[in-house]
Amino acid sequence: MLLTILFLFTFAVVIGLFMVVLGLRYRRSSLPLALSHAALALIALGLLFNQIFTQAINKFNNAAALLMVLALIGGLMLFALREKNKPPAMILVTIHAAMGLGGLLVLFLGFQDV
């Protein structure tokens, strides 16, 4: 199950990276890409919470979940502050991405520990 969670989060990161390139290079945003990015991340986060509540205590999973929830809050702020066809403020995108990538890194380190 953890491998599925890692795959879903990684795929969400790839879509997010594509959205950053779209915003920086072409100065536009894409709502369908943003919604698919959010859907993949939410499904993975739900699976991670299921893993946390049904398996033995794993500090890596707990720390990753905390970072992912912080990234979720940042993503919700980005979505709430969006303007039609304009990229969001890159400082918010950077904070959101740092939290998400940090959570993915911690999750990957926990996967290596298993």
C-alpha atoms as a PDB file:
ATOM      1  CA  MET A   1       0.000   0.000   0.000  1.00  0.00           C
ATOM      2  CA  LEU A   2       2.858   2.374   0.789  1.00  0.00           C
ATOM      3  CA  LEU A   3       4.222   1.909  -2.713  1.00  0.00           C
ATOM      4  CA  THR A   4       0.840   2.979  -4.137  1.00  0.00           C
ATOM      5  CA  ILE A   5       0.843   6.043  -1.906  1.00  0.00           C
ATOM      6  CA  LEU A   6       4.358   6.952  -3.057  1.00  0.00           C
ATOM      7  CA  PHE A   7       3.362   6.513  -6.696  1.00  0.00           C
ATOM      8  CA  LEU A   8       0.250   8.702  -6.345  1.00  0.00           C
ATOM      9  CA  PHE A   9       2.121  11.473  -4.538  1.00  0.00           C
ATOM     10  CA  THR A  10       4.931  11.320  -7.105  1.00  0.00           C
ATOM     11  CA  PHE A  11       2.454  11.580  -9.968  1.00  0.00           C
ATOM     12  CA  ALA A  12       0.834  14.577  -8.228  1.00  0.00           C
ATOM     13  CA  VAL A  13       4.311  16.155  -7.962  1.00  0.00           C
ATOM     14  CA  VAL A  14       4.911  15.644 -11.688  1.00  0.00           C
ATOM     15  CA  ILE A  15       1.619  17.354 -12.512  1.00  0.00           C
ATOM     16  CA  GLY A  16       2.501  20.156 -10.075  1.00  0.00           C
ATOM     17  CA  LEU A  17       5.884  20.621 -11.731  1.00  0.00           C
ATOM     18  CA  PHE A  18       4.172  20.843 -15.104  1.00  0.00           C
ATOM     19  CA  MET A  19       1.850  23.521 -13.690  1.00  0.00           C
ATOM     20  CA  VAL A  20       4.843  25.505 -12.397  1.00  0.00           C
ATOM     21  CA  VAL A  21       6.425  25.412 -15.854  1.00  0.00           C
ATOM     22  CA  LEU A  22       3.102  26.452 -17.367  1.00  0.00           C
ATOM     23  CA  GLY A  23       2.884  29.372 -14.955  1.00  0.00           C
ATOM     24  CA  LEU A  24       6.466  30.556 -15.270  1.00  0.00           C
ATOM     25  CA  ARG A  25       6.969  30.050 -18.973  1.00  0.00           C
ATOM     26  CA  TYR A  26       3.537  30.766 -20.418  1.00  0.00           C
ATOM     27  CA  ARG A  27       2.104  32.970 -17.608  1.00  0.00           C
ATOM     28  CA  ARG A  28      -1.138  31.003 -17.381  1.00  0.00           C
ATOM     29  CA  SER A  29      -2.799  28.386 -15.210  1.00  0.00           C
ATOM     30  CA  SER A  30      -4.902  25.316 -15.885  1.00  0.00           C
ATOM     31  CA  LEU A  31      -7.889  24.439 -13.712  1.00  0.00           C
ATOM     32  CA  PRO A  32      -8.190  20.826 -15.002  1.00  0.00           C
ATOM     33  CA  LEU A  33      -4.524  20.200 -14.197  1.00  0.00           C
ATOM     34  CA  ALA A  34      -4.923  21.779 -10.766  1.00  0.00           C
ATOM     35  CA  LEU A  35      -7.964  19.644  -9.997  1.00  0.00           C
ATOM     36  CA  SER A  36      -6.258  16.424 -11.124  1.00  0.00           C
ATOM     37  CA  HIS A  37      -3.170  17.372  -9.066  1.00  0.00           C
ATOM     38  CA  ALA A  38      -5.387  17.927  -6.022  1.00  0.00           C
ATOM     39  CA  ALA A  39      -7.414  14.748  -6.602  1.00  0.00           C
ATOM     40  CA  LEU A  40      -4.317  12.544  -6.804  1.00  0.00           C
ATOM     41  CA  ALA A  41      -2.813  14.133  -3.702  1.00  0.00           C
ATOM     42  CA  LEU A  42      -6.076  13.805  -1.737  1.00  0.00           C
ATOM     43  CA  ILE A  43      -6.469  10.150  -2.676  1.00  0.00           C
ATOM     44  CA  ALA A  44      -2.879   9.490  -1.627  1.00  0.00           C
ATOM     45  CA  LEU A  45      -3.377  11.421   1.613  1.00  0.00           C
ATOM     46  CA  GLY A  46      -6.520   9.420   2.374  1.00  0.00           C
ATOM     47  CA  LEU A  47      -4.616   6.174   1.788  1.00  0.00           C
ATOM     48  CA  LEU A  48      -1.794   7.453   3.999  1.00  0.00           C
ATOM     49  CA  PHE A  49      -4.247   8.220   6.811  1.00  0.00           C
ATOM     50  CA  ASN A  50      -5.729   4.748   6.373  1.00  0.00           C
ATOM     51  CA  GLN A  51      -2.219   3.318   6.679  1.00  0.00           C
ATOM     52  CA  ILE A  52      -1.549   5.387   9.805  1.00  0.00           C
ATOM     53  CA  PHE A  53      -4.765   4.365  11.567  1.00  0.00           C
ATOM     54  CA  THR A  54      -4.676   0.662  10.662  1.00  0.00           C
ATOM     55  CA  GLN A  55      -0.979  -0.245  10.876  1.00  0.00           C
ATOM     56  CA  ALA A  56       1.632  -0.106  13.607  1.00  0.00           C
ATOM     57  CA  ILE A  57       2.975   3.306  14.589  1.00  0.00           C
ATOM     58  CA  ASN A  58       5.481   4.635  12.069  1.00  0.00           C
ATOM     59  CA  LYS A  59       7.017   8.033  12.815  1.00  0.00           C
ATOM     60  CA  PHE A  60       7.908   8.584   9.161  1.00  0.00           C
ATOM     61  CA  ASN A  61       4.297   8.159   8.055  1.00  0.00           C
ATOM     62  CA  ASN A  62       3.078  10.504  10.782  1.00  0.00           C
ATOM     63  CA  ALA A  63       5.616  13.213   9.902  1.00  0.00           C
ATOM     64  CA  ALA A  64       4.872  12.821   6.193  1.00  0.00           C
ATOM     65  CA  ALA A  65       1.145  13.139   6.860  1.00  0.00           C
ATOM     66  CA  LEU A  66       1.716  16.339   8.844  1.00  0.00           C
ATOM     67  CA  LEU A  67       3.759  17.863   6.022  1.00  0.00           C
ATOM     68  CA  MET A  68       1.187  16.777   3.447  1.00  0.00           C
ATOM     69  CA  VAL A  69      -1.631  18.347   5.455  1.00  0.00           C
ATOM     70  CA  LEU A  70       0.375  21.596   5.585  1.00  0.00           C
ATOM     71  CA  ALA A  71       0.836  21.328   1.808  1.00  0.00           C
ATOM     72  CA  LEU A  72      -2.919  20.758   1.503  1.00  0.00           C
ATOM     73  CA  ILE A  73      -3.626  23.951   3.433  1.00  0.00           C
ATOM     74  CA  GLY A  74      -1.196  25.812   1.173  1.00  0.00           C
ATOM     75  CA  GLY A  75      -2.882  24.336  -1.894  1.00  0.00           C
ATOM     76  CA  LEU A  76      -6.284  25.422  -0.623  1.00  0.00           C
ATOM     77  CA  MET A  77      -4.921  28.938  -0.164  1.00  0.00           C
ATOM     78  CA  LEU A  78      -3.557  28.896  -3.718  1.00  0.00           C
ATOM     79  CA  PHE A  79      -6.913  27.728  -5.031  1.00  0.00           C
ATOM     80  CA  ALA A  80      -8.829  30.341  -3.043  1.00  0.00           C
ATOM     81  CA  LEU A  81      -6.566  33.179  -4.217  1.00  0.00           C
ATOM     82  CA  ARG A  82      -6.455  32.147  -7.873  1.00  0.00           C
ATOM     83  CA  GLU A  83      -7.363  34.498 -10.687  1.00  0.00           C
ATOM     84  CA  LYS A  84      -8.716  33.280 -13.990  1.00  0.00           C
ATOM     85  CA  ASN A  85      -5.930  32.262 -16.411  1.00  0.00           C
ATOM     86  CA  LYS A  86      -3.192  33.873 -14.283  1.00  0.00           C
ATOM     87  CA  PRO A  87      -0.515  31.954 -12.429  1.00  0.00           C
ATOM     88  CA  PRO A  88      -0.558  32.182  -8.630  1.00  0.00           C
ATOM     89  CA  ALA A  89       2.082  33.997  -6.601  1.00  0.00           C
ATOM     90  CA  MET A  90       5.261  31.958  -6.901  1.00  0.00           C
ATOM     91  CA  ILE A  91       6.192  32.428  -3.229  1.00  0.00           C
ATOM     92  CA  LEU A  92       3.015  30.571  -2.229  1.00  0.00           C
ATOM     93  CA  VAL A  93       3.693  27.927  -4.854  1.00  0.00           C
ATOM     94  CA  THR A  94       7.233  27.512  -3.496  1.00  0.00           C
ATOM     95  CA  ILE A  95       6.008  27.063   0.094  1.00  0.00           C
ATOM     96  CA  HIS A  96       3.317  24.622  -1.045  1.00  0.00           C
ATOM     97  CA  ALA A  97       5.846  22.637  -3.090  1.00  0.00           C
ATOM     98  CA  ALA A  98       8.425  22.595  -0.294  1.00  0.00           C
ATOM     99  CA  MET A  99       5.910  21.123   2.150  1.00  0.00           C
ATOM    100  CA  GLY A 100       4.744  18.526  -0.371  1.00  0.00           C
ATOM    101  CA  LEU A 101       8.246  17.523  -1.454  1.00  0.00           C
ATOM    102  CA  GLY A 102       9.362  17.382   2.164  1.00  0.00           C
ATOM    103  CA  GLY A 103       6.473  15.065   2.966  1.00  0.00           C
ATOM    104  CA  LEU A 104       7.291  12.891  -0.041  1.00  0.00           C
ATOM    105  CA  LEU A 105      10.942  12.713   1.011  1.00  0.00           C
ATOM    106  CA  VAL A 106      10.019  11.688   4.569  1.00  0.00           C
ATOM    107  CA  LEU A 107       7.591   9.104   3.204  1.00  0.00           C
ATOM    108  CA  PHE A 108      10.294   7.736   0.908  1.00  0.00           C
ATOM    109  CA  LEU A 109      12.789   7.561   3.788  1.00  0.00           C
ATOM    110  CA  GLY A 110      10.197   5.664   5.818  1.00  0.00           C
ATOM    111  CA  PHE A 111       9.661   3.295   2.908  1.00  0.00           C
ATOM    112  CA  GLN A 112      13.396   2.622   2.771  1.00  0.00           C
ATOM    113  CA  ASP A 113      13.367   1.917   6.521  1.00  0.00           C
ATOM    114  CA  VAL A 114      10.738  -0.840   6.203  1.00  0.00           C
END
